[in-house]
Protein backbone atom coordinates (compact mmCIF):
# COMPACT_ATOMS: atom_id res chain seq x y z
CA UNK A 1 -5.68 -28.39 0.82
CA UNK A 2 -3.31 -27.23 -1.89
CA UNK A 3 -6.20 -27.01 -4.35
CA UNK A 4 -8.11 -24.77 -1.94
CA UNK A 5 -5.04 -22.59 -1.45
CA UNK A 6 -4.68 -22.24 -5.23
CA UNK A 7 -8.31 -21.12 -5.50
CA UNK A 8 -7.88 -18.58 -2.69
CA UNK A 9 -4.76 -17.16 -4.31
CA UNK A 10 -6.45 -17.03 -7.72
CA UNK A 11 -9.27 -14.98 -6.23
CA UNK A 12 -6.77 -12.31 -5.23
CA UNK A 13 -4.29 -12.27 -8.12
CA UNK A 14 -7.02 -12.20 -10.77
CA UNK A 15 -8.22 -8.96 -9.19
CA UNK A 16 -4.79 -7.54 -8.50
CA UNK A 17 -5.39 -4.50 -10.70
CA UNK A 18 -8.14 -3.09 -8.49
CA UNK A 19 -5.97 -3.64 -5.39
CA UNK A 20 -3.07 -1.74 -6.95
CA UNK A 21 -5.35 1.04 -8.23
CA UNK A 22 -6.83 1.63 -4.78
CA UNK A 23 -3.38 1.44 -3.21
CA UNK A 24 -1.92 4.00 -5.61
CA UNK A 25 -4.83 6.36 -5.02
CA UNK A 26 -4.22 6.07 -1.30
CA UNK A 27 -0.47 6.54 -1.74
CA UNK A 28 -0.90 9.70 -3.79
CA UNK A 29 -3.76 11.32 -1.91
CA UNK A 30 -3.83 9.62 1.51
CA UNK A 31 -2.34 10.45 4.89
CA UNK A 32 1.09 9.13 3.79
CA UNK A 33 0.70 10.50 0.28
CA UNK A 34 2.14 13.26 -1.82
CA UNK A 35 -0.98 15.38 -2.22
CA UNK A 36 -3.57 14.83 0.49
CA UNK A 37 -7.10 15.10 -0.92
CA UNK A 38 -10.05 13.90 1.13
CA UNK A 39 -12.48 14.15 -1.77
CA UNK A 40 -10.47 11.74 -3.92
CA UNK A 41 -9.99 9.45 -0.93
CA UNK A 42 -13.75 8.94 -0.88
CA UNK A 43 -13.15 6.41 -3.67
CA UNK A 44 -11.08 4.15 -1.42
CA UNK A 45 -13.57 2.99 1.21
CA UNK A 46 -16.35 1.94 -1.23
CA UNK A 47 -13.74 0.13 -3.32
CA UNK A 48 -12.40 -1.78 -0.31
CA UNK A 49 -15.75 -2.37 1.38
CA UNK A 50 -17.97 -3.18 -1.63
CA UNK A 51 -16.27 -3.45 -5.03
CA UNK A 52 -13.24 -5.59 -4.09
CA UNK A 53 -15.15 -8.18 -1.98
CA UNK A 54 -17.73 -8.64 -4.74
CA UNK A 55 -15.05 -9.06 -7.41
CA UNK A 56 -13.14 -11.55 -5.28
CA UNK A 57 -16.27 -13.55 -4.51
CA UNK A 58 -17.31 -13.42 -8.17
CA UNK A 59 -13.94 -14.94 -9.15
CA UNK A 60 -14.22 -17.73 -6.57
CA UNK A 61 -17.76 -18.54 -7.62
CA UNK A 62 -16.75 -18.66 -11.28
CA UNK A 63 -13.77 -20.96 -10.67
CA UNK A 64 -15.95 -23.53 -8.91
CA UNK A 65 -19.45 -23.01 -10.29
CA UNK A 66 -19.04 -21.22 -13.60
CA UNK A 67 -20.79 -17.99 -14.52
CA UNK A 68 -23.98 -18.77 -12.60
CA UNK A 69 -21.96 -19.56 -9.51
CA UNK A 70 -20.15 -16.24 -9.94
CA UNK A 71 -23.37 -14.24 -10.18
CA UNK A 72 -24.96 -15.88 -7.12
CA UNK A 73 -21.73 -15.43 -5.13
CA UNK A 74 -21.73 -11.72 -6.04
CA UNK A 75 -25.30 -11.23 -4.78
CA UNK A 76 -24.59 -13.04 -1.52
CA UNK A 77 -21.41 -11.03 -0.95
CA UNK A 78 -23.23 -7.77 -1.64
CA UNK A 79 -25.53 -8.61 1.26
CA UNK A 80 -22.45 -9.26 3.38
CA UNK A 81 -20.89 -5.88 2.56
CA UNK A 82 -24.06 -4.06 3.66
CA UNK A 83 -23.96 -5.51 7.16
CA UNK A 84 -20.23 -5.80 7.84
CA UNK A 85 -18.47 -2.94 9.63
CA UNK A 86 -15.08 -4.04 8.24
CA UNK A 87 -13.97 -4.83 4.67
CA UNK A 88 -15.60 -8.15 3.76
CA UNK A 89 -12.60 -9.51 1.87
CA UNK A 90 -12.05 -12.51 4.14
CA UNK A 91 -15.76 -13.34 4.05
CA UNK A 92 -15.79 -13.02 0.27
CA UNK A 93 -12.97 -15.54 -0.01
CA UNK A 94 -15.16 -18.05 1.83
CA UNK A 95 -18.51 -17.17 0.26
CA UNK A 96 -17.26 -17.21 -3.34
CA UNK A 97 -16.00 -20.82 -3.56
CA UNK A 98 -18.73 -22.14 -1.22
CA UNK A 99 -21.54 -20.59 -3.27
CA UNK A 100 -19.95 -21.78 -6.50
CA UNK A 101 -19.76 -25.31 -5.08
CA UNK A 102 -23.47 -25.23 -4.08
CA UNK A 103 -24.52 -24.05 -7.55
CA UNK A 104 -22.32 -26.68 -9.19
CA UNK A 105 -23.90 -29.46 -7.11
CA UNK A 106 -27.40 -28.17 -7.90
CA UNK A 107 -26.66 -28.20 -11.62
CA UNK A 108 -25.33 -31.75 -11.39
CA UNK A 109 -28.43 -32.85 -9.48
CA UNK A 110 -30.76 -31.25 -12.02
CA UNK A 111 -29.03 -33.00 -14.90
CA UNK A 112 -29.36 -36.38 -13.20
CA UNK A 113 -32.84 -36.12 -11.66
CA UNK A 114 -34.81 -34.05 -14.18
CA UNK A 115 -37.41 -36.34 -15.76
CA UNK A 116 -38.33 -34.23 -18.79
CA UNK A 117 -36.40 -32.40 -21.47
CA UNK A 118 -36.52 -28.64 -22.07
CA UNK A 119 -37.02 -27.51 -18.47
CA UNK A 120 -33.36 -27.48 -17.43
CA UNK A 121 -32.81 -23.72 -17.80
CA UNK A 122 -36.06 -22.82 -16.04
CA UNK A 123 -35.47 -25.08 -13.06
CA UNK A 124 -31.78 -24.15 -12.82
CA UNK A 125 -32.56 -20.44 -12.69
CA UNK A 126 -35.36 -20.88 -10.16
CA UNK A 127 -33.23 -23.00 -7.84
CA UNK A 128 -30.25 -20.63 -8.21
CA UNK A 129 -32.51 -17.71 -7.31
CA UNK A 130 -33.83 -19.51 -4.23
CA UNK A 131 -30.27 -20.27 -3.12
CA UNK A 132 -29.23 -16.65 -3.76
CA UNK A 133 -32.12 -15.26 -1.70
CA UNK A 134 -31.54 -17.64 1.21
CA UNK A 135 -27.78 -17.14 1.36
CA UNK A 136 -28.05 -13.35 0.93
CA UNK A 137 -30.48 -13.07 3.87
CA UNK A 138 -28.26 -15.28 6.03
CA UNK A 139 -25.22 -13.29 5.00
CA UNK A 140 -26.91 -9.95 5.67
CA UNK A 141 -28.41 -10.81 9.07
CA UNK A 142 -25.79 -13.11 10.58
CA UNK A 143 -22.52 -13.53 8.68
CA UNK A 144 -21.74 -9.81 8.50
CA UNK A 145 -21.80 -9.40 12.27
CA UNK A 146 -19.81 -12.60 12.90
CA UNK A 147 -17.26 -11.56 10.29
CA UNK A 148 -16.83 -8.11 11.82
CA UNK A 149 -16.04 -9.55 15.25
CA UNK A 150 -13.70 -12.18 13.77
CA UNK A 151 -11.78 -9.66 11.65
CA UNK A 152 -11.36 -7.25 14.56
CA UNK A 153 -9.91 -9.99 16.76
CA UNK A 154 -7.69 -11.24 13.94
CA UNK A 155 -6.42 -7.70 13.39
CA UNK A 156 -5.48 -7.41 17.06
CA UNK A 157 -3.60 -10.73 16.96
CA UNK A 158 -1.91 -9.73 13.71
CA UNK A 159 -0.80 -6.41 15.18
CA UNK A 160 0.80 -8.16 18.15
CA UNK A 161 2.68 -10.56 15.85
CA UNK A 162 3.89 -7.75 13.58
CA UNK A 163 5.21 -5.81 16.56
CA UNK A 164 6.88 -8.85 18.13
CA UNK A 165 10.43 -10.13 17.63
CA UNK A 166 9.04 -13.32 16.04
CA UNK A 167 8.07 -11.79 12.71
CA UNK A 168 11.51 -12.14 11.00
CA UNK A 169 11.26 -15.90 11.55
CA UNK A 170 8.49 -15.90 8.93
CA UNK A 171 11.28 -15.95 6.34
CA UNK A 172 12.22 -19.46 7.50
CA UNK A 173 8.84 -20.61 6.14
CA UNK A 174 8.34 -18.18 3.26
CA UNK A 175 11.69 -18.51 1.45
CA UNK A 176 11.84 -22.35 1.23
CA UNK A 177 8.17 -22.46 0.26
CA UNK A 178 8.75 -19.97 -2.54
CA UNK A 179 11.38 -22.07 -4.31
CA UNK A 180 9.00 -25.04 -4.54
CA UNK A 181 6.56 -22.75 -6.38
CA UNK A 182 4.25 -21.98 -3.45
CA UNK A 183 5.07 -18.28 -3.73
CA UNK A 184 1.72 -17.27 -5.21
CA UNK A 185 -0.23 -19.32 -2.69
CA UNK A 186 1.67 -17.69 0.18
CA UNK A 187 1.43 -14.17 -1.18
CA UNK A 188 -2.04 -14.06 -2.67
CA UNK A 189 -3.70 -16.77 -0.63
CA UNK A 190 -2.60 -15.72 2.86
CA UNK A 191 -0.50 -12.57 3.19
CA UNK A 192 -2.36 -10.33 0.73
CA UNK A 193 -5.88 -10.73 2.21
CA UNK A 194 -4.50 -9.94 5.67
CA UNK A 195 -2.44 -7.11 4.24
CA UNK A 196 -5.45 -5.58 2.52
CA UNK A 197 -7.29 -5.68 5.82
CA UNK A 198 -4.40 -3.97 7.61
CA UNK A 199 -3.90 -1.40 4.83
CA UNK A 200 -7.52 -0.39 5.17
CA UNK A 201 -6.88 0.35 8.85
CA UNK A 202 -3.40 1.90 8.68
CA UNK A 203 -2.98 2.96 5.07
CA UNK A 204 -0.12 0.48 4.53
CA UNK A 205 0.91 -3.03 5.52
CA UNK A 206 4.22 -4.76 6.19
CA UNK A 207 2.61 -8.03 5.07
CA UNK A 208 2.87 -6.89 1.44
CA UNK A 209 6.66 -6.83 1.88
CA UNK A 210 7.33 -10.28 3.31
CA UNK A 211 7.07 -12.53 0.24
CA UNK A 212 7.65 -9.93 -2.46
CA UNK A 213 11.09 -8.77 -1.25
CA UNK A 214 13.42 -9.29 -4.27
CA UNK A 215 16.58 -8.97 -2.13
CA UNK A 216 17.23 -12.64 -1.14
CA UNK A 217 16.77 -13.93 -4.68
CA UNK A 218 18.91 -11.11 -6.06
CA UNK A 219 21.77 -12.16 -3.79
CA UNK A 220 21.66 -15.75 -5.05
CA UNK A 221 21.62 -14.71 -8.70
CA UNK A 222 24.46 -12.21 -8.26
CA UNK A 223 26.55 -14.95 -6.64
CA UNK A 224 25.94 -17.24 -9.62
CA UNK A 225 26.69 -14.36 -11.99
CA UNK A 226 30.07 -13.85 -10.28
CA UNK A 227 31.08 -17.51 -10.01
CA UNK A 228 30.04 -18.79 -13.44
CA UNK A 229 31.44 -18.28 -16.93
CA UNK A 230 30.30 -18.40 -20.54
CA UNK A 231 26.73 -19.47 -21.21
CA UNK A 232 26.11 -20.05 -17.52
CA UNK A 233 27.06 -16.48 -16.73
CA UNK A 234 24.84 -15.14 -19.50
CA UNK A 235 21.93 -17.16 -18.11
CA UNK A 236 22.52 -15.86 -14.58
CA UNK A 237 22.79 -12.30 -15.88
CA UNK A 238 19.52 -12.59 -17.78
CA UNK A 239 17.81 -14.17 -14.77
CA UNK A 240 19.06 -11.33 -12.55
CA UNK A 241 17.50 -8.66 -14.75
CA UNK A 242 14.24 -10.57 -15.11
CA UNK A 243 14.03 -11.17 -11.36
CA UNK A 244 15.03 -7.75 -10.03
CA UNK A 245 13.67 -5.43 -12.71
CA UNK A 246 10.88 -7.55 -14.18
CA UNK A 247 9.71 -8.93 -10.86
CA UNK A 248 9.45 -12.57 -11.97
CA UNK A 249 10.98 -14.34 -8.99
CA UNK A 250 10.44 -17.84 -10.36
CA UNK A 251 13.60 -17.50 -12.49
CA UNK A 252 15.88 -18.00 -9.48
CA UNK A 253 14.03 -21.04 -8.12
CA UNK A 254 15.89 -23.55 -10.37
CA UNK A 255 19.23 -22.21 -9.14
CA UNK A 256 18.24 -22.96 -5.56
CA UNK A 257 16.65 -26.32 -6.40
CA UNK A 258 19.96 -27.39 -7.97
CA UNK A 259 21.77 -26.38 -4.77
CA UNK A 260 19.31 -26.66 -1.84
CA UNK A 261 21.91 -25.32 0.60
CA UNK A 262 21.15 -21.88 -0.82
CA UNK A 263 17.86 -21.95 1.10
CA UNK A 264 20.01 -20.91 4.07
CA UNK A 265 21.07 -17.79 2.16
CA UNK A 266 17.50 -16.98 1.23
CA UNK A 267 16.15 -17.50 4.74
CA UNK A 268 18.81 -15.39 6.46
CA UNK A 269 18.56 -12.68 3.81
CA UNK A 270 14.79 -12.68 4.16
CA UNK A 271 15.02 -12.48 7.95
CA UNK A 272 17.34 -9.49 7.73
CA UNK A 273 15.00 -7.72 5.33
CA UNK A 274 11.96 -8.29 7.53
CA UNK A 275 13.89 -7.06 10.57
CA UNK A 276 14.68 -3.77 8.78
CA UNK A 277 11.06 -3.43 7.59
CA UNK A 278 9.93 -3.97 11.15
CA UNK A 279 12.51 -1.67 12.73
CA UNK A 280 11.54 1.30 10.57
CA UNK A 281 7.81 0.43 10.63
CA UNK A 282 7.46 0.48 6.84
CA UNK A 283 4.86 -1.08 4.55
CA UNK A 284 3.31 -0.97 1.09
CA UNK A 285 -0.08 0.43 0.19
CA UNK A 286 -0.95 -2.52 -2.08
CA UNK A 287 0.28 -5.91 -3.26
CA UNK A 288 3.50 -5.69 -5.26
CA UNK A 289 2.73 -7.90 -8.23
CA UNK A 290 5.02 -8.57 -9.96
CA UNK A 291 7.73 -8.18 -7.34
CA UNK A 292 9.81 -5.74 -9.39
CA UNK A 293 11.99 -3.31 -7.49
CA UNK A 294 10.21 -0.49 -9.35
CA UNK A 295 6.76 -1.54 -8.15
CA UNK A 296 8.13 -2.58 -4.77
CA UNK A 297 9.45 0.91 -4.08
CA UNK A 298 6.72 2.69 -6.02
CA UNK A 299 3.98 1.27 -3.80
CA UNK A 300 5.74 2.39 -0.63
CA UNK A 301 4.57 5.62 1.01
CA UNK A 302 6.88 8.54 0.37
CA UNK A 303 8.32 8.44 3.90
CA UNK A 304 9.06 4.68 3.62
CA UNK A 305 10.79 4.50 0.24
CA UNK A 306 14.37 4.96 1.47
CA UNK A 307 13.96 2.35 4.20
CA UNK A 308 12.39 -0.14 1.79
CA UNK A 309 15.39 0.21 -0.54
CA UNK A 310 17.75 -0.16 2.43
CA UNK A 311 16.02 -3.38 3.54
CA UNK A 312 16.20 -4.85 0.03
CA UNK A 313 19.92 -4.04 -0.23
CA UNK A 314 20.72 -5.52 3.19
CA UNK A 315 18.81 -8.73 2.47
CA UNK A 316 20.55 -8.98 -0.94
CA UNK A 317 24.02 -8.45 0.57
CA UNK A 318 23.53 -11.12 3.24
CA UNK A 319 22.12 -13.59 0.72
CA UNK A 320 24.94 -12.77 -1.73
CA UNK A 321 27.71 -13.29 0.83
CA UNK A 322 26.39 -16.61 2.05
CA UNK A 323 25.68 -17.82 -1.50
CA UNK A 324 29.29 -17.16 -2.53
CA UNK A 325 30.38 -19.53 0.24
CA UNK A 326 27.75 -22.18 -0.48
CA UNK A 327 28.17 -22.26 -4.28
CA UNK A 328 31.23 -24.48 -4.51
CA UNK A 329 30.76 -25.72 -8.06
CA UNK A 330 29.49 -23.83 -11.10
CA UNK A 331 28.07 -27.07 -12.50
CA UNK A 332 25.06 -26.46 -10.29
CA UNK A 333 23.90 -23.71 -12.63
CA UNK A 334 20.64 -24.72 -14.33
CA UNK A 335 21.72 -23.02 -17.55
CA UNK A 336 24.24 -25.72 -18.49
CA UNK A 337 23.04 -27.14 -21.79
CA UNK A 338 25.66 -29.76 -22.62
CA UNK A 339 25.44 -31.94 -19.52
CA UNK A 340 22.08 -31.20 -17.91
CA UNK A 341 19.73 -30.68 -20.83
CA UNK A 342 18.09 -34.04 -20.22
CA UNK A 343 14.86 -33.06 -21.93
CA UNK A 344 16.53 -33.04 -25.33
CA UNK A 345 18.25 -36.32 -24.59
CA UNK A 346 14.99 -37.90 -23.49
CA UNK A 347 13.13 -37.12 -26.67
CA UNK A 348 16.00 -38.41 -28.78
CA UNK A 349 16.06 -41.91 -27.24
CA UNK A 350 13.58 -44.72 -26.99
CA UNK A 351 11.27 -45.20 -24.04
CA UNK A 352 12.73 -48.67 -23.44
CA UNK A 353 16.23 -47.21 -23.06
CA UNK A 354 15.01 -44.78 -20.45
CA UNK A 355 13.15 -47.44 -18.48
CA UNK A 356 16.22 -49.65 -18.45
CA UNK A 357 18.36 -46.98 -16.84
CA UNK A 358 18.62 -47.64 -13.12
CA UNK A 359 20.31 -44.39 -12.17
CA UNK A 360 19.17 -41.18 -13.82
CA UNK A 361 19.32 -37.69 -12.43
CA UNK A 362 16.30 -35.92 -10.99
CA UNK A 363 15.30 -34.34 -14.28
CA UNK A 364 15.03 -37.70 -16.06
CA UNK A 365 12.82 -39.09 -13.29
CA UNK A 366 10.54 -36.09 -13.71
CA UNK A 367 10.41 -36.42 -17.48
CA UNK A 368 9.54 -40.13 -17.27
CA UNK A 369 6.11 -39.19 -16.00
CA UNK A 370 5.11 -38.30 -19.55
CA UNK A 371 5.58 -42.00 -20.36
CA UNK A 372 7.97 -41.49 -23.24
CA UNK A 373 5.39 -39.77 -25.43
CA UNK A 374 6.93 -37.21 -27.76
CA UNK A 375 4.53 -34.24 -27.75
CA UNK A 376 5.79 -33.04 -31.13
CA UNK A 377 4.58 -36.22 -32.87
CA UNK A 378 0.98 -36.11 -31.61
CA UNK A 379 -0.47 -33.67 -34.14
CA UNK A 380 0.18 -30.34 -35.76
CA UNK A 381 0.67 -27.83 -32.97
CA UNK A 382 -1.21 -24.58 -33.44
CA UNK A 383 -1.71 -23.39 -29.86
CA UNK A 384 0.81 -23.53 -27.02
CA UNK A 385 0.20 -22.59 -23.41
CA UNK A 386 2.93 -21.82 -20.89
CA UNK A 387 1.61 -22.48 -17.40
CA UNK A 388 2.64 -21.77 -13.83
CA UNK A 389 0.77 -21.66 -10.51
CA UNK A 390 -0.65 -18.17 -11.03
CA UNK A 391 -0.33 -17.79 -14.79
CA UNK A 392 1.02 -14.24 -14.44
CA UNK A 393 4.76 -14.56 -13.74
CA UNK A 394 7.17 -17.06 -15.19
CA UNK A 395 4.58 -18.40 -17.64
CA UNK A 396 4.04 -14.93 -19.10
CA UNK A 397 7.80 -14.48 -19.47
CA UNK A 398 8.27 -17.90 -21.09
CA UNK A 399 5.38 -17.34 -23.51
CA UNK A 400 6.83 -13.99 -24.52
CA UNK A 401 10.29 -15.43 -25.15
CA UNK A 402 8.98 -18.32 -27.26
CA UNK A 403 6.62 -15.99 -29.13
CA UNK A 404 9.52 -13.75 -30.15
CA UNK A 405 11.51 -16.76 -31.33
CA UNK A 406 8.60 -18.00 -33.45
CA UNK A 407 8.05 -14.55 -34.96
CA UNK A 408 11.45 -14.89 -36.59
CA UNK A 409 10.14 -17.87 -38.58
CA UNK A 410 7.34 -18.03 -41.14
CA UNK A 411 5.25 -20.36 -39.00
CA UNK A 412 2.21 -19.04 -37.17
CA UNK A 413 1.74 -20.69 -33.77
CA UNK A 414 -0.28 -19.04 -31.03
CA UNK A 415 1.57 -18.87 -27.71
CA UNK A 416 -0.32 -17.86 -24.56
CA UNK A 417 0.08 -18.23 -20.81
CA UNK A 418 -2.31 -19.36 -18.08
CA UNK A 419 -2.51 -20.82 -14.61
CA UNK A 420 -2.71 -24.59 -14.22
CA UNK A 421 -6.43 -24.35 -13.45
CA UNK A 422 -7.17 -22.40 -16.61
CA UNK A 423 -5.53 -24.47 -19.34
CA UNK A 424 -8.08 -24.46 -22.19
CA UNK A 425 -9.26 -27.67 -23.82
CA UNK A 426 -8.02 -26.55 -27.23
CA UNK A 427 -4.37 -26.20 -26.16
CA UNK A 428 -2.24 -28.49 -28.34
CA UNK A 429 0.88 -28.30 -26.18
CA UNK A 430 1.39 -27.30 -22.55
CA UNK A 431 4.81 -26.12 -21.37
CA UNK A 432 5.65 -25.93 -17.68
CA UNK A 433 8.60 -26.02 -15.32
CA UNK A 434 9.66 -29.61 -14.66
CA UNK A 435 8.84 -29.22 -10.94
CA UNK A 436 5.20 -28.66 -11.91
CA UNK A 437 5.11 -31.55 -14.37
CA UNK A 438 3.39 -34.05 -12.09
CA UNK A 439 0.78 -31.49 -11.05
CA UNK A 440 -0.07 -30.60 -14.65
CA UNK A 441 -0.02 -34.25 -15.69
CA UNK A 442 -2.44 -35.11 -12.89
CA UNK A 443 -4.84 -32.33 -13.86
CA UNK A 444 -4.62 -32.98 -17.62
CA UNK A 445 -3.44 -36.57 -18.19
CA UNK A 446 -4.31 -36.51 -21.90
CA UNK A 447 -2.54 -33.27 -22.75
CA UNK A 448 0.81 -33.13 -24.49
CA UNK A 449 3.14 -31.63 -21.90
CA UNK A 450 6.69 -30.39 -22.37
CA UNK A 451 8.66 -29.62 -19.19
CA UNK A 452 11.57 -27.17 -19.01
CA UNK A 453 14.31 -27.14 -16.35
CA UNK A 454 14.42 -23.33 -16.52
CA UNK A 455 12.57 -20.61 -18.41
CA UNK A 456 15.71 -18.52 -19.03
CA UNK A 457 17.90 -20.85 -21.11
CA UNK A 458 17.73 -19.57 -24.70
CA UNK A 459 19.02 -22.86 -26.10
CA UNK A 460 15.88 -24.54 -24.79
CA UNK A 461 13.77 -22.14 -26.83
CA UNK A 462 15.90 -22.67 -29.93
CA UNK A 463 15.38 -26.42 -29.56
CA UNK A 464 11.66 -25.92 -29.06
CA UNK A 465 11.34 -23.78 -32.18
CA UNK A 466 13.26 -26.31 -34.26
CA UNK A 467 10.99 -29.12 -33.15
CA UNK A 468 7.83 -27.05 -33.65
CA UNK A 469 8.65 -26.04 -37.21
CA UNK A 470 9.97 -29.51 -38.04
CA UNK A 471 13.61 -28.67 -38.73
């Protein structure tokens, strides 16, 4: 189920640019915009009804079935867009992976059953064409009509939920799920597709605000900033800027994971923010990705901007106040290097010593899953990949920070970022947050993996650079 959710979210976030472009056009020239222009608005409907569904389906087909799966999925979805009276985004998210899976199975069957050699390409293309024709006709004649009815009923149900007093309770699910790195699955896999559907109807959607609100996380980080000192305070300060201005929310997750009681602060702050969004009937015109305050406010219609800022501030204040009470000890800060930097300790001791320890903290238990193998001794490292669930948030930040550190040396090492599903075979070293270690290890058991407790501790990067250049 989680794998499917990751695919669904990837289909949206890999096409986030087109969603933002259409949203900005609507914000500037739409009914809620600054300069209403019907002629320019003519771009919006074709983009929502045809271009975006095809791109989303293409991505899903490619993830499962490669390029041929992507092409067939695009053709089938095009047939769907011609017959559907509503944006076919939800249908595309089903058709893309399903078509890719069918093409993948056909290719596997051809490789196993084909008696001769040299006919693989011919037979593969013929069978793919037959599948494309059959699925396109089915999609055009039947699926489009079924989808239209389903989306209309879903929209009605969604409207009743949004207007009910139950909506703020969504924060009780969203905020805890975010800190265990399900934020991208929630936002891109579930809320964004529904939000796009609603934005097409109303010009904006409150669903774009629910997960992306930076207020609750800001409150937690400000509380740590106030209650810590020295290196811990510097780490909290850096994380605050990265979270609120840069929009990379993953930087506050380790702070909450070290003190799970802070989930209460996040949930209540999130509930307050949603209540204000709901009270003033505000929304965004597109997905806010990353969740920077600049993009968060910038994607709000002109009449909603003040209320969006107010909601963020209220959610931050409530989260901040509760966090000050719940943070009783500054030792919970994940930026402590002397006592909690167990990664360095692990790679400096023997595997036997680690296995003989009966009581280790949570970080050591996570690190043990790499079976004591020192990734820096495997081979000369030329390519490093930072990874996270989506490959566009914390991994991009971590790759940038390590890249800048390496540029100060004379060693040339390529540092890139990617999602877990897109780690290339040629990557010499994979770096991830320690909470994702088991997931990455399961997907790539033979890769050298280096887990970090946080992506904002500069001493971790200094240690990494020293090990990489052999000093």
